[in-house]
Amino acid sequence: MSNFQRWLVVFAGALMGCVAVGTMFSLAVFLDPMSLETGWSRAGISSAMTLNFLVMGVAGIAWGTASDRFGPGIVVLIGSLLLGLALVLASRATSLLAFQLTYGILVGLAASAFFAPVTAAVTGWFTTHRSLAVSLVSAGMGMAPMTISPFARWLITAYDWRFAMLAIGIGTWVVLLPATLMLRRPPAAPAPALAGAPAVESGGMAMREVLRSPQFWILGLTFFACCAAHSGPIFHMVSYAIVCGVSPMAAVSIYSVEGLAGLGGRILLGVGADRLGVKPVLVAGLLVQAIVIAAYSVVGQLEQFYLLAMIFGAAYGGVMPLYAVLAHDYFGQKNLGAVLGAATMLSSVGMALGPWIGGWIFDTFQNYAWLFIGSSIVGLGAVAIALAFPPLPRRRFQPA
C-alpha cells in the first residue's frame, strides 16, 4: 500500500471517530429541548450517557475480537448501520424508557465498534510515524464536540429535537458508509515476543498470553488511573468555575479551550513519541496532567482557568492515543483489537467513576477542592504505574 493509501486510512479513521463520538456526546445539546417538550427528567435523559459508557466498555472487547478475526471493515460497517438506526429510532421514542434503550444501549453498542477496530487497523499499517498516525485518528475523535454538537444545535433551533436527531442519524449513514470502504485489514507482519513468553504466532501474541502478562495489566491499570484522574475534573469543570465566580457562558468556553488544546496535544505528543519513544512521552504527559489538576484547586480567575485548560487539554488529549501504540509494540497486531477492547473496558470504569465521585464530594463538602486534590493523587498513581513498564521487548520474529 502506498503512503497516500496509508494516510487515507488515517483520514477515514479520524472521520469515523469524529462522527461516532460526536453523535454520542451530542446528547448534551438535546438535553434541555427534550426535557421541555416531553417532560422527561434531566436525570432520566442523562442516564442514557451512563448506559453508553457501560455498554461501550463491555462491547468494545467483542468488537475488537471480531475485528481481529474478520477484519475492521465489516465491523465498522455494522457499527455504522447500527449507529444510524439507533439515532433514527431514538428520534421516534415516545417514552423515556424507549429512549434510554435506543440511545443509551444501541448508540453505545454502535459507537464502541469504531475505537478498537480503527485504532488497531491504523497501527498495523504504519511502522514509522505510528504514534503520529494514531494521534491524528484520536484528534478526529477530539473534534467531535466542535462539529456534531453545533450542527445539532442549529437543527434544533431551526426545527425541533426529533427532526435534528433523525437528520443526524441519516447523516451518519451518508458519511460513514462510504468511509468504511477506505478501512482495510493491515498486512500480517511478525511482531516482537515478550521476554520470557512462549513462542507466539506470526503477527502477535495469543490473547490468553496477553491477559496473563504483567505488561497488559500495567497498560490497563495506567489507562484506568489516567481516565479516573481526568474524568472528574473534566465533567465538573464548568460547575467548579461557576462556583469560583466565573459567569456560566464563560465557564462553558473553558471546555472549548480544553478541546482545542487537546487537538494540538495529540499531534505534539504523537510526534514526540515517534522521536523520543512512547514510554517517556507518556510518563511526562501523565505527570503534567497530575500537576495541572492539582493547580486547579488554587485558581479562581477566568484567565487562570484558560491557561490551565490549555495545558490540561494538551496533556490528557496527548496521552490517550499512546496506549494503543504501546499495546501494538508489546503485543503485536494479531489480537490488537481485543487487547484494546479489554484495556478500554478498564478505562471506561475510570471514566465512569470520576464524575460520580466528584458529585459526591461536592454534595458532602460543598466545594470541589478534594476532587482536584484526590484526582491529582490518582494521576500521580498513573505516573507510578506507567514507570513500571519494562523496556520494549527484543524483536524475536516467528516464521510465517
Protein backbone atom coordinates (compact mmCIF):
# COMPACT_ATOMS: atom_id res chain seq x y z
CA MET A 1 0.00 0.00 0.00
CA SER A 2 1.32 3.43 -0.94
CA ASN A 3 1.92 6.17 1.61
CA PHE A 4 -1.11 8.02 0.25
CA GLN A 5 -3.33 4.99 0.84
CA ARG A 6 -1.99 4.56 4.38
CA TRP A 7 -2.79 8.16 5.25
CA LEU A 8 -6.19 7.70 3.61
CA VAL A 9 -6.86 5.02 6.23
CA VAL A 10 -5.92 7.57 8.90
CA PHE A 11 -8.31 10.11 7.39
CA ALA A 12 -11.13 7.55 7.29
CA GLY A 13 -10.45 6.57 10.91
CA ALA A 14 -10.45 10.19 12.08
CA LEU A 15 -13.68 10.89 10.21
CA MET A 16 -15.45 7.82 11.60
CA GLY A 17 -14.26 8.55 15.13
CA CYS A 18 -15.45 12.15 14.87
CA VAL A 19 -18.94 11.12 13.76
CA ALA A 20 -19.30 8.20 16.19
CA VAL A 21 -18.10 10.10 19.27
CA GLY A 22 -19.82 13.30 18.19
CA THR A 23 -23.24 11.71 17.84
CA MET A 24 -22.95 10.12 21.28
CA PHE A 25 -21.82 13.28 23.08
CA SER A 26 -24.34 15.48 21.27
CA LEU A 27 -26.85 14.28 23.87
CA ALA A 28 -25.83 17.28 26.00
CA VAL A 29 -27.23 19.58 23.31
CA PHE A 30 -30.52 17.67 23.19
CA LEU A 31 -30.98 17.62 26.98
CA ASP A 32 -32.88 20.90 27.51
CA PRO A 33 -35.21 20.81 24.48
CA MET A 34 -36.05 17.16 25.08
CA SER A 35 -36.89 17.76 28.73
CA LEU A 36 -39.03 20.81 27.93
CA GLU A 37 -41.02 19.08 25.20
CA THR A 38 -41.50 15.63 26.73
CA GLY A 39 -41.44 16.37 30.46
CA TRP A 40 -38.81 13.68 30.95
CA SER A 41 -36.41 14.39 33.81
CA ARG A 42 -32.92 15.57 33.01
CA ALA A 43 -31.53 12.78 35.18
CA GLY A 44 -33.52 10.22 33.18
CA ILE A 45 -32.30 11.59 29.85
CA SER A 46 -28.72 11.91 31.09
CA SER A 47 -28.73 8.30 32.27
CA ALA A 48 -28.55 7.34 28.60
CA MET A 49 -24.95 8.62 28.63
CA THR A 50 -24.15 6.44 31.63
CA LEU A 51 -25.51 3.46 29.71
CA ASN A 52 -23.34 4.49 26.75
CA PHE A 53 -20.15 4.19 28.80
CA LEU A 54 -21.16 0.89 30.40
CA VAL A 55 -22.16 -0.69 27.10
CA MET A 56 -19.05 0.61 25.35
CA GLY A 57 -16.81 -0.92 28.00
CA VAL A 58 -18.30 -4.40 27.54
CA ALA A 59 -18.98 -4.32 23.81
CA GLY A 60 -15.52 -2.99 22.94
CA ILE A 61 -13.96 -6.38 23.65
CA ALA A 62 -16.43 -8.18 21.38
CA TRP A 63 -15.98 -5.69 18.54
CA GLY A 64 -12.19 -5.80 18.89
CA THR A 65 -12.17 -9.61 18.79
CA ALA A 66 -14.45 -9.61 15.74
CA SER A 67 -12.14 -7.12 14.04
CA ASP A 68 -9.12 -9.35 14.66
CA ARG A 69 -10.95 -12.32 13.16
CA PHE A 70 -12.96 -10.84 10.29
CA GLY A 71 -11.20 -7.55 9.62
CA PRO A 72 -12.09 -3.98 10.62
CA GLY A 73 -14.14 -3.23 7.50
CA ILE A 74 -17.11 -5.47 8.29
CA VAL A 75 -17.11 -4.39 11.96
CA VAL A 76 -17.26 -0.65 11.24
CA LEU A 77 -19.84 -1.29 8.51
CA ILE A 78 -22.13 -2.98 11.05
CA GLY A 79 -21.38 -0.22 13.56
CA SER A 80 -22.24 2.47 11.01
CA LEU A 81 -25.56 0.85 10.11
CA LEU A 82 -26.41 0.34 13.78
CA LEU A 83 -25.45 3.90 14.77
CA GLY A 84 -27.72 5.49 12.19
CA LEU A 85 -30.55 3.12 13.07
CA ALA A 86 -30.18 3.86 16.79
CA LEU A 87 -30.48 7.61 16.25
CA VAL A 88 -33.46 7.22 13.92
CA LEU A 89 -35.24 5.02 16.46
CA ALA A 90 -34.33 7.33 19.36
CA SER A 91 -35.81 10.30 17.49
CA ARG A 92 -39.14 8.45 17.37
CA ALA A 93 -39.15 7.36 21.05
CA THR A 94 -42.41 8.13 22.84
CA SER A 95 -41.31 7.14 26.36
CA LEU A 96 -38.23 7.73 28.46
CA LEU A 97 -37.56 4.00 28.72
CA ALA A 98 -37.70 3.60 24.95
CA PHE A 99 -35.24 6.47 24.56
CA GLN A 100 -32.86 5.06 27.17
CA LEU A 101 -32.87 1.65 25.47
CA THR A 102 -32.31 3.01 21.96
CA TYR A 103 -29.93 5.88 22.67
CA GLY A 104 -28.29 4.52 25.82
CA ILE A 105 -27.74 0.94 24.68
CA LEU A 106 -27.80 0.93 20.88
CA VAL A 107 -25.74 4.11 20.42
CA GLY A 108 -23.17 2.86 22.97
CA LEU A 109 -23.04 -0.52 21.24
CA ALA A 110 -22.57 1.10 17.83
CA ALA A 111 -20.03 3.72 18.93
CA SER A 112 -17.81 1.07 20.53
CA ALA A 113 -17.47 -0.62 17.12
CA PHE A 114 -15.08 2.10 15.98
CA PHE A 115 -12.33 2.75 18.55
CA ALA A 116 -10.55 -0.60 18.85
CA PRO A 117 -11.00 -1.79 15.21
CA VAL A 118 -10.00 1.54 13.69
CA THR A 119 -7.03 2.08 16.00
CA ALA A 120 -5.80 -1.49 15.52
CA ALA A 121 -6.03 -1.11 11.73
CA VAL A 122 -4.11 2.17 11.71
CA THR A 123 -1.29 0.88 13.92
CA GLY A 124 -0.91 -2.14 11.64
CA TRP A 125 -0.39 -0.02 8.52
CA PHE A 126 2.49 2.03 9.96
CA THR A 127 6.00 1.11 11.03
CA THR A 128 7.28 4.70 11.07
CA HIS A 129 5.18 7.66 12.24
CA ARG A 130 2.88 5.20 14.01
CA SER A 131 2.32 7.42 17.06
CA LEU A 132 1.51 10.39 14.84
CA ALA A 133 -0.95 8.33 12.77
CA VAL A 134 -2.81 7.08 15.84
CA SER A 135 -2.77 10.57 17.33
CA LEU A 136 -4.38 12.00 14.19
CA VAL A 137 -7.17 9.43 14.42
CA SER A 138 -7.64 10.41 18.04
CA ALA A 139 -7.64 14.08 17.00
CA GLY A 140 -10.60 13.30 14.77
CA MET A 141 -12.44 11.99 17.81
CA GLY A 142 -11.39 15.09 19.72
CA MET A 143 -13.03 17.30 17.08
CA ALA A 144 -16.42 15.69 17.72
CA PRO A 145 -17.72 18.33 20.22
CA MET A 146 -16.80 21.10 17.77
CA THR A 147 -18.63 19.57 14.79
CA ILE A 148 -21.66 17.38 15.53
CA SER A 149 -22.84 19.32 18.59
CA PRO A 150 -23.01 22.75 16.88
CA PHE A 151 -24.75 21.11 13.89
CA ALA A 152 -27.27 19.53 16.26
CA ARG A 153 -27.88 22.88 17.96
CA TRP A 154 -28.52 24.55 14.60
CA LEU A 155 -31.00 21.84 13.57
CA ILE A 156 -32.82 22.02 16.91
CA THR A 157 -33.11 25.81 16.62
CA ALA A 158 -34.35 25.63 13.03
CA TYR A 159 -36.71 22.68 13.53
CA ASP A 160 -37.01 20.57 16.71
CA TRP A 161 -35.06 17.92 18.57
CA ARG A 162 -36.77 14.97 16.89
CA PHE A 163 -36.01 16.23 13.39
CA ALA A 164 -32.44 17.05 14.44
CA MET A 165 -31.78 13.56 15.80
CA LEU A 166 -33.41 11.96 12.76
CA ALA A 167 -31.31 14.09 10.39
CA ILE A 168 -28.10 13.27 12.25
CA GLY A 169 -28.97 9.56 12.14
CA ILE A 170 -29.45 9.67 8.37
CA GLY A 171 -26.34 11.84 8.07
CA THR A 172 -24.23 9.20 9.81
CA TRP A 173 -25.17 6.72 7.09
CA VAL A 174 -24.29 9.23 4.38
CA VAL A 175 -20.87 9.98 5.88
CA LEU A 176 -19.84 6.68 7.47
CA LEU A 177 -20.87 4.09 4.91
CA PRO A 178 -18.55 5.40 2.15
CA ALA A 179 -15.76 5.88 4.71
CA THR A 180 -15.87 2.19 5.67
CA LEU A 181 -14.65 1.33 2.16
CA MET A 182 -11.33 3.05 2.92
CA LEU A 183 -10.61 0.93 6.00
CA ARG A 184 -8.74 -2.26 5.14
CA ARG A 185 -7.15 -5.00 7.20
CA PRO A 186 -3.41 -4.33 7.60
CA PRO A 187 -0.96 -6.93 6.29
CA ALA A 188 0.15 -9.68 8.64
CA ALA A 189 3.59 -8.94 9.98
CA PRO A 190 5.91 -10.58 12.52
CA ALA A 191 5.80 -8.91 15.91
CA PRO A 192 8.01 -8.81 18.98
CA ALA A 193 7.64 -11.51 21.61
CA LEU A 194 7.77 -10.55 25.25
CA ALA A 195 10.83 -11.61 27.14
CA GLY A 196 10.15 -14.91 28.85
CA ALA A 197 6.90 -15.50 26.98
CA PRO A 198 6.28 -18.65 24.98
CA ALA A 199 6.59 -18.58 21.22
CA VAL A 200 3.67 -16.85 19.59
CA GLU A 201 2.10 -16.99 16.20
CA SER A 202 3.25 -14.67 13.44
CA GLY A 203 1.80 -11.24 13.92
CA GLY A 204 1.46 -11.15 17.72
CA MET A 205 0.77 -12.91 20.99
CA ALA A 206 -2.14 -15.22 21.64
CA MET A 207 -4.84 -13.44 23.66
CA ARG A 208 -4.58 -15.81 26.61
CA GLU A 209 -0.89 -14.97 26.93
CA VAL A 210 -1.65 -11.26 26.68
CA LEU A 211 -4.10 -11.44 29.59
CA ARG A 212 -1.57 -13.36 31.68
CA SER A 213 1.24 -10.89 31.05
CA PRO A 214 2.13 -8.17 33.58
CA GLN A 215 2.56 -5.78 30.65
CA PHE A 216 -1.15 -5.89 29.85
CA TRP A 217 -2.16 -5.17 33.44
CA ILE A 218 0.34 -2.32 33.68
CA LEU A 219 -1.14 -0.91 30.47
CA GLY A 220 -4.74 -1.40 31.62
CA LEU A 221 -4.22 0.00 35.12
CA THR A 222 -2.34 3.03 33.78
CA PHE A 223 -5.20 3.66 31.35
CA PHE A 224 -7.71 3.24 34.19
CA ALA A 225 -5.90 5.60 36.58
CA CYS A 226 -5.32 8.17 33.83
CA CYS A 227 -9.05 8.30 32.98
CA ALA A 228 -10.12 8.21 36.64
CA ALA A 229 -7.84 11.20 37.27
CA HIS A 230 -9.12 13.47 34.49
CA SER A 231 -12.77 12.43 34.09
CA GLY A 232 -13.98 14.10 37.30
CA PRO A 233 -12.23 17.44 36.67
CA ILE A 234 -13.42 17.48 33.04
CA PHE A 235 -17.04 16.72 33.93
CA HIS A 236 -17.25 19.16 36.85
CA MET A 237 -15.06 21.92 35.37
CA VAL A 238 -17.94 24.18 34.35
CA SER A 239 -19.66 23.82 37.73
CA TYR A 240 -16.38 24.47 39.55
CA ALA A 241 -15.70 27.61 37.51
CA ILE A 242 -19.21 28.91 38.27
CA VAL A 243 -18.64 28.25 41.98
CA CYS A 244 -15.46 30.31 41.66
CA GLY A 245 -17.48 33.23 40.31
CA VAL A 246 -16.99 32.77 36.56
CA SER A 247 -20.12 33.50 34.51
CA PRO A 248 -21.92 30.41 33.11
CA MET A 249 -21.25 31.31 29.46
CA ALA A 250 -17.57 31.95 30.11
CA ALA A 251 -17.35 28.75 32.16
CA VAL A 252 -18.62 26.73 29.19
CA SER A 253 -15.93 28.29 26.99
CA ILE A 254 -13.28 26.59 29.14
CA TYR A 255 -14.39 23.33 27.53
CA SER A 256 -13.66 24.75 24.07
CA VAL A 257 -10.17 25.79 25.16
CA GLU A 258 -9.50 22.28 26.50
CA GLY A 259 -10.81 20.71 23.30
CA LEU A 260 -8.66 22.84 21.01
CA ALA A 261 -5.60 22.27 23.20
CA GLY A 262 -6.31 18.54 23.09
CA LEU A 263 -6.03 18.55 19.30
CA GLY A 264 -2.63 20.19 19.46
CA GLY A 265 -1.54 17.92 22.30
CA ARG A 266 -2.37 14.77 20.32
CA ILE A 267 -0.17 15.86 17.43
CA LEU A 268 2.63 17.24 19.64
CA LEU A 269 2.88 14.15 21.84
CA GLY A 270 2.43 11.86 18.84
CA VAL A 271 5.42 13.40 17.07
CA GLY A 272 7.37 13.36 20.35
CA ALA A 273 6.62 9.66 20.89
CA ASP A 274 7.88 8.82 17.39
CA ARG A 275 11.14 10.62 18.09
CA LEU A 276 11.74 10.03 21.80
CA GLY A 277 9.86 6.80 22.48
CA VAL A 278 6.33 6.19 23.70
CA LYS A 279 7.04 5.44 27.37
CA PRO A 280 8.94 8.64 28.31
CA VAL A 281 6.41 10.83 26.50
CA LEU A 282 3.50 9.01 28.18
CA VAL A 283 5.07 9.38 31.64
CA ALA A 284 5.80 13.08 31.05
CA GLY A 285 2.24 13.70 29.83
CA LEU A 286 0.73 11.92 32.84
CA LEU A 287 2.95 13.91 35.21
CA VAL A 288 1.90 17.22 33.65
CA GLN A 289 -1.74 16.14 33.87
CA ALA A 290 -1.45 15.38 37.59
CA ILE A 291 0.30 18.68 38.36
CA VAL A 292 -2.24 20.79 36.44
CA ILE A 293 -5.18 19.02 38.10
CA ALA A 294 -3.76 19.97 41.50
CA ALA A 295 -3.22 23.56 40.29
CA TYR A 296 -6.94 23.92 39.53
CA SER A 297 -7.65 23.81 43.26
CA VAL A 298 -5.98 27.20 43.78
CA VAL A 299 -7.29 29.21 40.82
CA GLY A 300 -10.36 31.45 40.63
CA GLN A 301 -9.98 33.84 37.69
CA LEU A 302 -11.12 33.10 34.14
CA GLU A 303 -7.66 33.84 32.70
CA GLN A 304 -6.15 31.29 35.09
CA PHE A 305 -8.72 28.72 34.04
CA TYR A 306 -7.87 29.33 30.37
CA LEU A 307 -4.14 28.92 30.99
CA LEU A 308 -4.54 25.67 32.87
CA ALA A 309 -7.13 24.43 30.34
CA MET A 310 -4.59 24.78 27.53
CA ILE A 311 -2.01 22.71 29.42
CA PHE A 312 -4.53 20.23 30.81
CA GLY A 313 -6.21 19.67 27.43
CA ALA A 314 -2.88 19.13 25.69
CA ALA A 315 -1.75 16.67 28.37
CA TYR A 316 -4.79 14.42 28.68
CA GLY A 317 -5.58 14.66 24.96
CA GLY A 318 -2.00 13.85 24.02
CA VAL A 319 -1.55 10.76 26.18
CA MET A 320 -4.75 8.99 25.16
CA PRO A 321 -3.56 7.71 21.74
CA LEU A 322 -0.27 6.45 23.17
CA TYR A 323 -1.87 3.47 24.92
CA ALA A 324 -2.75 1.95 21.54
CA VAL A 325 0.81 2.40 20.29
CA LEU A 326 2.22 0.73 23.42
CA ALA A 327 -0.24 -2.14 23.03
CA HIS A 328 0.96 -2.74 19.47
CA ASP A 329 4.62 -2.52 20.47
CA TYR A 330 4.20 -5.05 23.29
CA PHE A 331 1.65 -7.48 21.88
CA GLY A 332 1.75 -7.20 18.10
CA GLN A 333 -1.05 -6.93 15.58
CA LYS A 334 -2.72 -10.36 15.71
CA ASN A 335 -5.14 -9.72 18.60
CA LEU A 336 -4.68 -5.97 18.91
CA GLY A 337 -8.39 -5.22 18.57
CA ALA A 338 -9.22 -7.50 21.50
CA VAL A 339 -6.31 -6.10 23.55
CA LEU A 340 -7.50 -2.54 23.00
CA GLY A 341 -11.07 -3.55 23.77
CA ALA A 342 -10.04 -5.09 27.09
CA ALA A 343 -7.89 -2.08 28.02
CA THR A 344 -10.68 0.29 27.03
CA MET A 345 -13.09 -1.55 29.33
CA LEU A 346 -10.81 -0.70 32.25
CA SER A 347 -10.53 2.92 31.13
CA SER A 348 -14.34 3.14 30.83
CA VAL A 349 -14.63 2.20 34.50
CA GLY A 350 -12.25 5.04 35.34
CA MET A 351 -14.25 7.45 33.19
CA ALA A 352 -17.47 6.44 34.94
CA LEU A 353 -16.02 6.82 38.47
CA GLY A 354 -14.71 10.38 38.21
CA PRO A 355 -18.00 12.25 37.63
CA TRP A 356 -19.84 10.27 40.30
CA ILE A 357 -17.13 10.72 42.94
CA GLY A 358 -16.87 14.42 42.09
CA GLY A 359 -20.60 14.85 42.65
CA TRP A 360 -20.41 13.02 45.97
CA ILE A 361 -17.50 15.22 47.10
CA PHE A 362 -19.41 18.42 46.32
CA ASP A 363 -22.59 17.17 47.99
CA THR A 364 -20.59 16.22 51.10
CA PHE A 365 -18.19 19.18 51.42
CA GLN A 366 -19.96 21.87 49.37
CA ASN A 367 -16.80 22.52 47.35
CA TYR A 368 -14.59 20.78 44.79
CA ALA A 369 -11.21 21.12 46.49
CA TRP A 370 -10.94 17.44 47.40
CA LEU A 371 -11.94 16.41 43.88
CA PHE A 372 -8.89 18.10 42.40
CA ILE A 373 -6.55 17.01 45.19
CA GLY A 374 -7.78 13.41 45.03
CA SER A 375 -7.70 13.36 41.23
CA SER A 376 -4.15 14.66 41.26
CA ILE A 377 -3.12 11.85 43.62
CA VAL A 378 -4.74 9.31 41.31
CA GLY A 379 -2.90 10.96 38.42
CA LEU A 380 0.41 10.54 40.23
CA GLY A 381 -0.58 6.90 40.72
CA ALA A 382 -0.91 6.61 36.93
CA VAL A 383 2.63 8.00 36.60
CA ALA A 384 3.95 5.42 39.08
CA ILE A 385 2.24 2.55 37.26
CA ALA A 386 3.49 3.77 33.87
CA LEU A 387 7.06 3.83 35.20
CA ALA A 388 6.71 0.07 35.77
CA PHE A 389 6.53 -0.57 32.02
CA PRO A 390 9.55 -2.74 31.16
CA PRO A 391 11.73 -1.85 28.18
CA LEU A 392 10.19 -2.77 24.85
CA PRO A 393 10.72 -6.44 24.01
CA ARG A 394 13.59 -7.53 21.86
CA ARG A 395 12.25 -8.33 18.45
CA ARG A 396 12.06 -12.10 18.09
CA PHE A 397 10.39 -12.87 14.81
CA GLN A 398 8.37 -16.00 14.22
CA PRO A 399 8.20 -17.89 10.94
CA ALA A 400 5.11 -17.24 8.88
